[in-house]
Amino acid sequence: MADEIVILITTSSEAEAQRIGRALVEEHLVACANIISAVTSIFFWEGGTREAAESLMVCKSRSALLDRIMSRVREMHSYTVPEVIALPIVGGLPDYLAWVSDTAKGA
């Protein structure tokens, strides 16, 4: 298993995703942040079922940076409890994974 991870982050808007994604990339916490601007989320919150239009970020980084990423997202995010979920990458193109590892240094 590689040290690289995929992090899923939902945001209230594409603009918020762009702001957070740009900061994470510029701070070298993630190598890449893809933004899917139109997702519909259905979830249970504050005693009821809710539905919201959101944007989804798919970020690539290293597991060693996850705590710093979560902290930075929490600082910048509009939600009280933002979704930040990390998944291990179990395989991939070695050159791509090396790029992720080399780029996401947390500078």
C-alpha atoms as a PDB file:
ATOM      1  CA  MET A   1       0.000   0.000   0.000  1.00  0.00           C
ATOM      2  CA  ALA A   2       1.242   3.457  -0.879  1.00  0.00           C
ATOM      3  CA  ASP A   3       1.554   6.417   1.509  1.00  0.00           C
ATOM      4  CA  GLU A   4      -0.580   8.465  -0.881  1.00  0.00           C
ATOM      5  CA  ILE A   5      -4.243   9.144  -0.097  1.00  0.00           C
ATOM      6  CA  VAL A   6      -7.368  10.566  -1.709  1.00  0.00           C
ATOM      7  CA  ILE A   7      -9.300  13.062   0.387  1.00  0.00           C
ATOM      8  CA  LEU A   8     -12.973  13.822  -0.257  1.00  0.00           C
ATOM      9  CA  ILE A   9     -14.214  17.232   0.873  1.00  0.00           C
ATOM     10  CA  THR A  10     -17.683  18.645   0.235  1.00  0.00           C
ATOM     11  CA  THR A  11     -18.258  22.401   0.189  1.00  0.00           C
ATOM     12  CA  SER A  12     -21.237  24.709   0.016  1.00  0.00           C
ATOM     13  CA  SER A  13     -20.253  26.085  -3.388  1.00  0.00           C
ATOM     14  CA  GLU A  14     -17.767  25.875  -6.220  1.00  0.00           C
ATOM     15  CA  ALA A  15     -16.238  29.173  -5.068  1.00  0.00           C
ATOM     16  CA  GLU A  16     -15.589  27.743  -1.606  1.00  0.00           C
ATOM     17  CA  ALA A  17     -14.065  24.604  -3.130  1.00  0.00           C
ATOM     18  CA  GLN A  18     -11.804  26.724  -5.335  1.00  0.00           C
ATOM     19  CA  ARG A  19     -10.674  28.840  -2.377  1.00  0.00           C
ATOM     20  CA  ILE A  20      -9.891  25.829  -0.192  1.00  0.00           C
ATOM     21  CA  GLY A  21      -8.388  23.802  -3.036  1.00  0.00           C
ATOM     22  CA  ARG A  22      -6.102  26.625  -4.126  1.00  0.00           C
ATOM     23  CA  ALA A  23      -4.867  27.145  -0.558  1.00  0.00           C
ATOM     24  CA  LEU A  24      -4.168  23.428  -0.060  1.00  0.00           C
ATOM     25  CA  VAL A  25      -2.229  23.249  -3.343  1.00  0.00           C
ATOM     26  CA  GLU A  26      -0.303  26.491  -2.766  1.00  0.00           C
ATOM     27  CA  GLU A  27       0.643  25.313   0.739  1.00  0.00           C
ATOM     28  CA  HIS A  28       1.801  21.970  -0.759  1.00  0.00           C
ATOM     29  CA  LEU A  29      -0.589  20.060   1.488  1.00  0.00           C
ATOM     30  CA  VAL A  30      -2.129  18.406  -1.565  1.00  0.00           C
ATOM     31  CA  ALA A  31      -0.666  17.798  -5.007  1.00  0.00           C
ATOM     32  CA  CYS A  32      -3.979  18.257  -6.782  1.00  0.00           C
ATOM     33  CA  ALA A  33      -7.557  19.239  -5.997  1.00  0.00           C
ATOM     34  CA  ASN A  34     -10.232  18.263  -8.513  1.00  0.00           C
ATOM     35  CA  ILE A  35     -13.555  20.047  -8.131  1.00  0.00           C
ATOM     36  CA  ILE A  36     -16.862  18.510  -9.158  1.00  0.00           C
ATOM     37  CA  SER A  37     -19.140  21.520  -9.037  1.00  0.00           C
ATOM     38  CA  ALA A  38     -22.621  20.022  -9.068  1.00  0.00           C
ATOM     39  CA  VAL A  39     -23.418  17.223  -6.665  1.00  0.00           C
ATOM     40  CA  THR A  40     -26.590  16.679  -4.688  1.00  0.00           C
ATOM     41  CA  SER A  41     -26.077  15.491  -1.140  1.00  0.00           C
ATOM     42  CA  ILE A  42     -28.810  13.834   0.909  1.00  0.00           C
ATOM     43  CA  PHE A  43     -27.929  13.551   4.589  1.00  0.00           C
ATOM     44  CA  PHE A  44     -29.285  13.453   8.134  1.00  0.00           C
ATOM     45  CA  TRP A  45     -28.553  16.646  10.089  1.00  0.00           C
ATOM     46  CA  GLU A  46     -30.074  18.369  13.111  1.00  0.00           C
ATOM     47  CA  GLY A  47     -32.905  15.889  13.491  1.00  0.00           C
ATOM     48  CA  GLY A  48     -34.005  15.581   9.893  1.00  0.00           C
ATOM     49  CA  THR A  49     -33.213  14.463   6.385  1.00  0.00           C
ATOM     50  CA  ARG A  50     -31.725  17.287   4.339  1.00  0.00           C
ATOM     51  CA  GLU A  51     -30.802  17.792   0.700  1.00  0.00           C
ATOM     52  CA  ALA A  52     -28.257  20.316  -0.541  1.00  0.00           C
ATOM     53  CA  ALA A  53     -26.423  21.303  -3.686  1.00  0.00           C
ATOM     54  CA  GLU A  54     -22.697  21.052  -2.974  1.00  0.00           C
ATOM     55  CA  SER A  55     -19.342  20.844  -4.683  1.00  0.00           C
ATOM     56  CA  LEU A  56     -17.045  17.877  -4.136  1.00  0.00           C
ATOM     57  CA  MET A  57     -13.281  18.144  -3.943  1.00  0.00           C
ATOM     58  CA  VAL A  58     -11.131  15.107  -4.707  1.00  0.00           C
ATOM     59  CA  CYS A  59      -7.647  15.820  -3.392  1.00  0.00           C
ATOM     60  CA  LYS A  60      -4.474  13.751  -3.635  1.00  0.00           C
ATOM     61  CA  SER A  61      -1.861  13.896  -0.883  1.00  0.00           C
ATOM     62  CA  ARG A  62       0.112  11.827   1.631  1.00  0.00           C
ATOM     63  CA  SER A  63      -1.200  10.308   4.843  1.00  0.00           C
ATOM     64  CA  ALA A  64       1.493  12.116   6.857  1.00  0.00           C
ATOM     65  CA  LEU A  65      -0.182  15.449   5.979  1.00  0.00           C
ATOM     66  CA  LEU A  66      -3.766  14.472   6.818  1.00  0.00           C
ATOM     67  CA  ASP A  67      -3.903  16.146  10.243  1.00  0.00           C
ATOM     68  CA  ARG A  68      -2.597  19.412   8.782  1.00  0.00           C
ATOM     69  CA  ILE A  69      -5.067  19.188   5.885  1.00  0.00           C
ATOM     70  CA  MET A  70      -8.011  18.606   8.230  1.00  0.00           C
ATOM     71  CA  SER A  71      -6.942  21.520  10.404  1.00  0.00           C
ATOM     72  CA  ARG A  72      -6.561  23.843   7.428  1.00  0.00           C
ATOM     73  CA  VAL A  73      -9.934  22.810   5.966  1.00  0.00           C
ATOM     74  CA  ARG A  74     -11.624  23.377   9.319  1.00  0.00           C
ATOM     75  CA  GLU A  75     -10.118  26.912   9.456  1.00  0.00           C
ATOM     76  CA  MET A  76     -11.382  27.814   5.978  1.00  0.00           C
ATOM     77  CA  HIS A  77     -14.670  25.913   5.701  1.00  0.00           C
ATOM     78  CA  SER A  78     -18.134  27.429   6.166  1.00  0.00           C
ATOM     79  CA  TYR A  79     -19.642  24.263   7.687  1.00  0.00           C
ATOM     80  CA  THR A  80     -19.685  23.551  11.412  1.00  0.00           C
ATOM     81  CA  VAL A  81     -18.786  19.915  10.648  1.00  0.00           C
ATOM     82  CA  PRO A  82     -17.129  19.714   7.222  1.00  0.00           C
ATOM     83  CA  GLU A  83     -16.819  16.393   5.450  1.00  0.00           C
ATOM     84  CA  VAL A  84     -13.159  15.439   5.187  1.00  0.00           C
ATOM     85  CA  ILE A  85     -12.682  11.742   4.456  1.00  0.00           C
ATOM     86  CA  ALA A  86      -9.354  10.167   3.548  1.00  0.00           C
ATOM     87  CA  LEU A  87      -9.058   6.933   1.600  1.00  0.00           C
ATOM     88  CA  PRO A  88      -5.839   4.999   1.025  1.00  0.00           C
ATOM     89  CA  ILE A  89      -4.583   4.579  -2.501  1.00  0.00           C
ATOM     90  CA  VAL A  90      -3.851   0.884  -2.876  1.00  0.00           C
ATOM     91  CA  GLY A  91      -2.199   1.238  -6.256  1.00  0.00           C
ATOM     92  CA  GLY A  92      -1.683   3.501  -9.212  1.00  0.00           C
ATOM     93  CA  LEU A  93       0.694   4.581 -11.917  1.00  0.00           C
ATOM     94  CA  PRO A  94       4.078   4.747 -10.147  1.00  0.00           C
ATOM     95  CA  ASP A  95       5.068   7.998 -11.885  1.00  0.00           C
ATOM     96  CA  TYR A  96       1.821   9.671 -10.786  1.00  0.00           C
ATOM     97  CA  LEU A  97       2.136   8.484  -7.185  1.00  0.00           C
ATOM     98  CA  ALA A  98       5.755   9.697  -7.123  1.00  0.00           C
ATOM     99  CA  TRP A  99       4.565  13.108  -8.337  1.00  0.00           C
ATOM    100  CA  VAL A 100       1.948  13.247  -5.572  1.00  0.00           C
ATOM    101  CA  SER A 101       4.545  12.298  -2.974  1.00  0.00           C
ATOM    102  CA  ASP A 102       7.125  14.770  -4.300  1.00  0.00           C
ATOM    103  CA  THR A 103       4.621  17.623  -4.579  1.00  0.00           C
ATOM    104  CA  ALA A 104       2.714  17.235  -1.295  1.00  0.00           C
ATOM    105  CA  LYS A 105       5.521  18.111   1.087  1.00  0.00           C
ATOM    106  CA  GLY A 106       3.602  20.468   3.371  1.00  0.00           C
ATOM    107  CA  ALA A 107       5.982  23.377   2.798  1.00  0.00           C
END
